[in-house]
C-alpha atoms as a PDB file:
ATOM      1  CA  UNK A   1       0.000   0.000   0.000  1.00  0.00           C
ATOM      2  CA  UNK A   2       2.968   2.325   0.533  1.00  0.00           C
ATOM      3  CA  UNK A   3       4.098   2.063  -3.119  1.00  0.00           C
ATOM      4  CA  UNK A   4       1.268   4.241  -4.411  1.00  0.00           C
ATOM      5  CA  UNK A   5       1.200   7.966  -3.693  1.00  0.00           C
ATOM      6  CA  UNK A   6      -1.314   9.184  -1.149  1.00  0.00           C
ATOM      7  CA  UNK A   7      -3.353  12.339  -1.508  1.00  0.00           C
ATOM      8  CA  UNK A   8      -1.745  14.378   1.247  1.00  0.00           C
ATOM      9  CA  UNK A   9      -3.451  17.475   2.671  1.00  0.00           C
ATOM     10  CA  UNK A  10      -2.692  19.873   5.493  1.00  0.00           C
ATOM     11  CA  UNK A  11      -4.645  19.984   8.736  1.00  0.00           C
ATOM     12  CA  UNK A  12      -5.725  23.519   7.842  1.00  0.00           C
ATOM     13  CA  UNK A  13      -7.274  22.342   4.558  1.00  0.00           C
ATOM     14  CA  UNK A  14      -9.265  19.646   6.343  1.00  0.00           C
ATOM     15  CA  UNK A  15     -10.327  22.093   9.078  1.00  0.00           C
ATOM     16  CA  UNK A  16     -11.595  24.563   6.481  1.00  0.00           C
ATOM     17  CA  UNK A  17     -13.451  21.809   4.632  1.00  0.00           C
ATOM     18  CA  UNK A  18     -14.995  20.428   7.834  1.00  0.00           C
ATOM     19  CA  UNK A  19     -15.808  23.842   9.283  1.00  0.00           C
ATOM     20  CA  UNK A  20     -13.910  23.203  12.535  1.00  0.00           C
ATOM     21  CA  UNK A  21     -10.689  24.432  14.098  1.00  0.00           C
ATOM     22  CA  UNK A  22      -7.253  23.113  13.222  1.00  0.00           C
ATOM     23  CA  UNK A  23      -6.908  22.024  16.863  1.00  0.00           C
ATOM     24  CA  UNK A  24     -10.028  19.838  16.535  1.00  0.00           C
ATOM     25  CA  UNK A  25      -8.587  18.141  13.455  1.00  0.00           C
ATOM     26  CA  UNK A  26      -5.223  17.751  15.200  1.00  0.00           C
ATOM     27  CA  UNK A  27      -6.952  16.073  18.152  1.00  0.00           C
ATOM     28  CA  UNK A  28      -8.806  13.715  15.815  1.00  0.00           C
ATOM     29  CA  UNK A  29      -5.579  12.873  13.943  1.00  0.00           C
ATOM     30  CA  UNK A  30      -3.805  11.989  17.212  1.00  0.00           C
ATOM     31  CA  UNK A  31      -6.559   9.477  17.998  1.00  0.00           C
ATOM     32  CA  UNK A  32      -6.306   7.743  14.614  1.00  0.00           C
ATOM     33  CA  UNK A  33      -4.052   4.680  14.523  1.00  0.00           C
ATOM     34  CA  UNK A  34      -1.364   4.362  11.857  1.00  0.00           C
ATOM     35  CA  UNK A  35      -2.396   7.429   9.864  1.00  0.00           C
ATOM     36  CA  UNK A  36       0.240   8.138   7.171  1.00  0.00           C
ATOM     37  CA  UNK A  37       1.655  11.596   7.876  1.00  0.00           C
ATOM     38  CA  UNK A  38       4.488  13.796   6.668  1.00  0.00           C
ATOM     39  CA  UNK A  39       6.313  15.739   9.374  1.00  0.00           C
ATOM     40  CA  UNK A  40       8.253  18.977   9.253  1.00  0.00           C
ATOM     41  CA  UNK A  41      11.825  19.345  10.546  1.00  0.00           C
ATOM     42  CA  UNK A  42      10.544  19.884  14.106  1.00  0.00           C
ATOM     43  CA  UNK A  43       8.517  16.658  14.072  1.00  0.00           C
ATOM     44  CA  UNK A  44       5.120  18.326  13.743  1.00  0.00           C
ATOM     45  CA  UNK A  45       2.481  16.909  11.411  1.00  0.00           C
ATOM     46  CA  UNK A  46       2.693  18.783   8.112  1.00  0.00           C
ATOM     47  CA  UNK A  47       0.294  16.787   5.920  1.00  0.00           C
ATOM     48  CA  UNK A  48      -1.827  13.643   6.319  1.00  0.00           C
ATOM     49  CA  UNK A  49      -3.301  11.057   3.987  1.00  0.00           C
ATOM     50  CA  UNK A  50      -6.796  12.206   3.122  1.00  0.00           C
ATOM     51  CA  UNK A  51      -8.006   8.678   2.310  1.00  0.00           C
ATOM     52  CA  UNK A  52      -6.906   7.276   5.653  1.00  0.00           C
ATOM     53  CA  UNK A  53      -8.358  10.282   7.488  1.00  0.00           C
ATOM     54  CA  UNK A  54     -11.727   9.903   5.750  1.00  0.00           C
ATOM     55  CA  UNK A  55     -11.748   6.143   6.312  1.00  0.00           C
ATOM     56  CA  UNK A  56     -11.131   6.492  10.032  1.00  0.00           C
ATOM     57  CA  UNK A  57     -13.607   9.340  10.362  1.00  0.00           C
ATOM     58  CA  UNK A  58     -16.251   7.253   8.608  1.00  0.00           C
ATOM     59  CA  UNK A  59     -15.622   4.314  10.915  1.00  0.00           C
ATOM     60  CA  UNK A  60     -15.093   5.896  14.291  1.00  0.00           C
ATOM     61  CA  UNK A  61     -16.751   9.285  14.477  1.00  0.00           C
ATOM     62  CA  UNK A  62     -20.370   9.818  15.383  1.00  0.00           C
ATOM     63  CA  UNK A  63     -21.881  11.698  12.391  1.00  0.00           C
ATOM     64  CA  UNK A  64     -24.231  13.598  14.699  1.00  0.00           C
ATOM     65  CA  UNK A  65     -21.193  15.311  16.249  1.00  0.00           C
ATOM     66  CA  UNK A  66     -19.745  16.630  12.984  1.00  0.00           C
ATOM     67  CA  UNK A  67     -20.366  20.159  11.722  1.00  0.00           C
ATOM     68  CA  UNK A  68     -19.253  19.613   8.156  1.00  0.00           C
ATOM     69  CA  UNK A  69     -19.794  22.440   5.685  1.00  0.00           C
ATOM     70  CA  UNK A  70     -19.853  22.138   1.936  1.00  0.00           C
ATOM     71  CA  UNK A  71     -16.314  21.790   0.565  1.00  0.00           C
ATOM     72  CA  UNK A  72     -14.655  24.993  -0.543  1.00  0.00           C
ATOM     73  CA  UNK A  73     -13.825  25.494  -4.213  1.00  0.00           C
ATOM     74  CA  UNK A  74     -10.616  23.727  -5.125  1.00  0.00           C
ATOM     75  CA  UNK A  75      -7.733  25.867  -6.293  1.00  0.00           C
ATOM     76  CA  UNK A  76      -6.233  23.028  -8.347  1.00  0.00           C
ATOM     77  CA  UNK A  77      -7.123  22.330 -11.920  1.00  0.00           C
ATOM     78  CA  UNK A  78     -10.020  20.013 -12.720  1.00  0.00           C
ATOM     79  CA  UNK A  79      -7.650  17.258 -13.872  1.00  0.00           C
ATOM     80  CA  UNK A  80      -5.632  17.438 -10.657  1.00  0.00           C
ATOM     81  CA  UNK A  81      -8.815  17.288  -8.600  1.00  0.00           C
ATOM     82  CA  UNK A  82      -9.981  14.230 -10.549  1.00  0.00           C
ATOM     83  CA  UNK A  83      -6.609  12.547 -10.130  1.00  0.00           C
ATOM     84  CA  UNK A  84      -6.650  13.145  -6.384  1.00  0.00           C
ATOM     85  CA  UNK A  85     -10.233  11.946  -6.190  1.00  0.00           C
ATOM     86  CA  UNK A  86      -9.308   8.701  -7.914  1.00  0.00           C
ATOM     87  CA  UNK A  87      -6.345   8.116  -5.572  1.00  0.00           C
ATOM     88  CA  UNK A  88      -8.622   8.836  -2.640  1.00  0.00           C
ATOM     89  CA  UNK A  89     -11.116   6.221  -3.892  1.00  0.00           C
ATOM     90  CA  UNK A  90      -8.337   3.667  -4.417  1.00  0.00           C
ATOM     91  CA  UNK A  91      -6.938   4.246  -0.914  1.00  0.00           C
ATOM     92  CA  UNK A  92     -10.408   3.958   0.637  1.00  0.00           C
ATOM     93  CA  UNK A  93     -11.092   0.707  -1.207  1.00  0.00           C
ATOM     94  CA  UNK A  94      -7.755  -0.714  -0.054  1.00  0.00           C
ATOM     95  CA  UNK A  95      -8.518   0.189   3.549  1.00  0.00           C
ATOM     96  CA  UNK A  96     -12.004  -1.319   3.315  1.00  0.00           C
ATOM     97  CA  UNK A  97     -10.587  -4.493   1.778  1.00  0.00           C
ATOM     98  CA  UNK A  98      -7.952  -4.834   4.494  1.00  0.00           C
ATOM     99  CA  UNK A  99     -10.679  -4.343   7.101  1.00  0.00           C
ATOM    100  CA  UNK A 100     -12.858  -7.031   5.477  1.00  0.00           C
ATOM    101  CA  UNK A 101      -9.926  -9.446   5.479  1.00  0.00           C
ATOM    102  CA  UNK A 102      -9.417  -8.817   9.177  1.00  0.00           C
ATOM    103  CA  UNK A 103      -5.929  -7.397   8.628  1.00  0.00           C
ATOM    104  CA  UNK A 104      -6.621  -4.200  10.560  1.00  0.00           C
ATOM    105  CA  UNK A 105      -6.601  -4.169  14.333  1.00  0.00           C
ATOM    106  CA  UNK A 106      -7.218  -1.435  16.839  1.00  0.00           C
ATOM    107  CA  UNK A 107      -3.851  -0.346  18.135  1.00  0.00           C
ATOM    108  CA  UNK A 108      -5.238   0.824  21.489  1.00  0.00           C
ATOM    109  CA  UNK A 109      -6.832  -2.559  22.206  1.00  0.00           C
ATOM    110  CA  UNK A 110      -3.722  -4.431  21.039  1.00  0.00           C
ATOM    111  CA  UNK A 111      -1.459  -2.394  23.331  1.00  0.00           C
ATOM    112  CA  UNK A 112      -3.740  -3.099  26.312  1.00  0.00           C
ATOM    113  CA  UNK A 113      -3.754  -6.833  25.552  1.00  0.00           C
ATOM    114  CA  UNK A 114       0.016  -6.982  25.111  1.00  0.00           C
ATOM    115  CA  UNK A 115       0.585  -5.095  28.364  1.00  0.00           C
ATOM    116  CA  UNK A 116      -1.660  -7.525  30.221  1.00  0.00           C
ATOM    117  CA  UNK A 117       0.099 -10.557  28.710  1.00  0.00           C
ATOM    118  CA  UNK A 118       3.525  -9.114  29.514  1.00  0.00           C
ATOM    119  CA  UNK A 119       2.435  -8.429  33.091  1.00  0.00           C
ATOM    120  CA  UNK A 120       1.188 -11.987  33.568  1.00  0.00           C
ATOM    121  CA  UNK A 121       4.341 -13.499  32.061  1.00  0.00           C
ATOM    122  CA  UNK A 122       6.548 -11.275  34.207  1.00  0.00           C
ATOM    123  CA  UNK A 123       4.638 -12.342  37.344  1.00  0.00           C
ATOM    124  CA  UNK A 124       5.372 -16.006  36.530  1.00  0.00           C
ATOM    125  CA  UNK A 125       9.051 -15.370  35.720  1.00  0.00           C
ATOM    126  CA  UNK A 126       9.483 -13.446  38.983  1.00  0.00           C
ATOM    127  CA  UNK A 127       8.587 -16.628  40.860  1.00  0.00           C
ATOM    128  CA  UNK A 128      11.820 -18.293  39.755  1.00  0.00           C
ATOM    129  CA  UNK A 129      13.540 -17.025  42.904  1.00  0.00           C
ATOM    130  CA  UNK A 130      11.185 -19.267  44.891  1.00  0.00           C
ATOM    131  CA  UNK A 131      13.133 -22.360  43.786  1.00  0.00           C
ATOM    132  CA  UNK A 132      16.504 -21.056  45.053  1.00  0.00           C
ATOM    133  CA  UNK A 133      16.361 -23.097  48.256  1.00  0.00           C
ATOM    134  CA  UNK A 134      15.331 -26.218  46.343  1.00  0.00           C
ATOM    135  CA  UNK A 135      18.208 -25.561  43.913  1.00  0.00           C
ATOM    136  CA  UNK A 136      20.736 -25.319  46.722  1.00  0.00           C
ATOM    137  CA  UNK A 137      19.432 -28.576  48.191  1.00  0.00           C
ATOM    138  CA  UNK A 138      19.577 -30.294  44.789  1.00  0.00           C
ATOM    139  CA  UNK A 139      23.201 -29.182  44.289  1.00  0.00           C
ATOM    140  CA  UNK A 140      24.236 -30.396  47.722  1.00  0.00           C
ATOM    141  CA  UNK A 141      22.608 -33.807  47.170  1.00  0.00           C
ATOM    142  CA  UNK A 142      23.188 -34.534  43.466  1.00  0.00           C
ATOM    143  CA  UNK A 143      25.489 -31.790  42.180  1.00  0.00           C
ATOM    144  CA  UNK A 144      24.979 -29.974  38.886  1.00  0.00           C
ATOM    145  CA  UNK A 145      22.843 -32.793  37.498  1.00  0.00           C
ATOM    146  CA  UNK A 146      20.313 -32.386  40.344  1.00  0.00           C
ATOM    147  CA  UNK A 147      20.121 -28.633  39.670  1.00  0.00           C
ATOM    148  CA  UNK A 148      19.602 -29.239  35.930  1.00  0.00           C
ATOM    149  CA  UNK A 149      16.716 -31.608  36.638  1.00  0.00           C
ATOM    150  CA  UNK A 150      15.132 -29.112  39.051  1.00  0.00           C
ATOM    151  CA  UNK A 151      15.504 -26.205  36.605  1.00  0.00           C
ATOM    152  CA  UNK A 152      14.097 -28.277  33.744  1.00  0.00           C
ATOM    153  CA  UNK A 153      11.049 -29.168  35.859  1.00  0.00           C
ATOM    154  CA  UNK A 154      10.640 -25.538  37.009  1.00  0.00           C
ATOM    155  CA  UNK A 155      10.828 -24.299  33.401  1.00  0.00           C
ATOM    156  CA  UNK A 156       8.238 -26.869  32.324  1.00  0.00           C
ATOM    157  CA  UNK A 157       5.886 -25.784  35.109  1.00  0.00           C
ATOM    158  CA  UNK A 158       6.448 -22.095  34.315  1.00  0.00           C
ATOM    159  CA  UNK A 159       5.772 -22.649  30.590  1.00  0.00           C
ATOM    160  CA  UNK A 160       2.581 -24.553  31.383  1.00  0.00           C
ATOM    161  CA  UNK A 161       1.435 -21.839  33.796  1.00  0.00           C
ATOM    162  CA  UNK A 162       2.147 -19.085  31.240  1.00  0.00           C
ATOM    163  CA  UNK A 163       0.353 -20.985  28.471  1.00  0.00           C
ATOM    164  CA  UNK A 164      -2.672 -21.523  30.734  1.00  0.00           C
ATOM    165  CA  UNK A 165      -2.917 -17.852  31.743  1.00  0.00           C
ATOM    166  CA  UNK A 166      -2.520 -16.669  28.116  1.00  0.00           C
ATOM    167  CA  UNK A 167      -5.246 -19.113  27.038  1.00  0.00           C
ATOM    168  CA  UNK A 168      -7.499 -17.714  29.762  1.00  0.00           C
ATOM    169  CA  UNK A 169      -6.826 -14.155  28.560  1.00  0.00           C
ATOM    170  CA  UNK A 170      -7.536 -15.165  24.950  1.00  0.00           C
ATOM    171  CA  UNK A 171     -10.785 -16.923  25.895  1.00  0.00           C
ATOM    172  CA  UNK A 172     -11.993 -13.816  27.744  1.00  0.00           C
ATOM    173  CA  UNK A 173     -11.168 -11.484  24.830  1.00  0.00           C
ATOM    174  CA  UNK A 174     -14.051 -10.230  22.664  1.00  0.00           C
ATOM    175  CA  UNK A 175     -14.368 -11.641  19.150  1.00  0.00           C
ATOM    176  CA  UNK A 176     -14.357  -8.120  17.654  1.00  0.00           C
ATOM    177  CA  UNK A 177     -13.416  -4.706  18.976  1.00  0.00           C
ATOM    178  CA  UNK A 178     -16.032  -2.030  19.530  1.00  0.00           C
ATOM    179  CA  UNK A 179     -15.998   1.074  17.354  1.00  0.00           C
ATOM    180  CA  UNK A 180     -14.282   4.201  18.585  1.00  0.00           C
ATOM    181  CA  UNK A 181     -17.053   6.784  18.794  1.00  0.00           C
ATOM    182  CA  UNK A 182     -15.761   9.181  21.418  1.00  0.00           C
ATOM    183  CA  UNK A 183     -13.356  11.050  19.124  1.00  0.00           C
ATOM    184  CA  UNK A 184     -14.628  14.624  19.090  1.00  0.00           C
ATOM    185  CA  UNK A 185     -13.866  16.846  16.165  1.00  0.00           C
END
């Protein structure tokens, strides 16, 4: 998808078209996952992909909250406007297709899930210190071989425990994510 050019527009152009402030568009852009942007030398968003912006707005924004005006007259030539319109349609279709295939995920929900999994795994790994006394006893009785056997058994138990807790997390997860509707523009 990155091989084709995107129709890139400034936040000001979108704000004028939507009839809202640039700050409102900036806030909406920050809430949109993986939006292709171009940044200036100071790292600020200079332009954004219009197709991605429109796709996310169509999916996640409550239409009753928008104050969209009629688009202003384009300063570009008719051919340029048609070309940009076609690229916009192509980008929208690609996004819709990726969504239908299930290739798009909500970044916010994924981050929450990964943080929970990492926390649960870390809690199990932290328990390894609990076998220190058993390890010392195994070394004193059977030497390095006794410690290897104990560590192998501890690793097996830890792996089983981690797999069980991750399966529990996966079973409790919703089949699909809810729409994001609280993004105000």
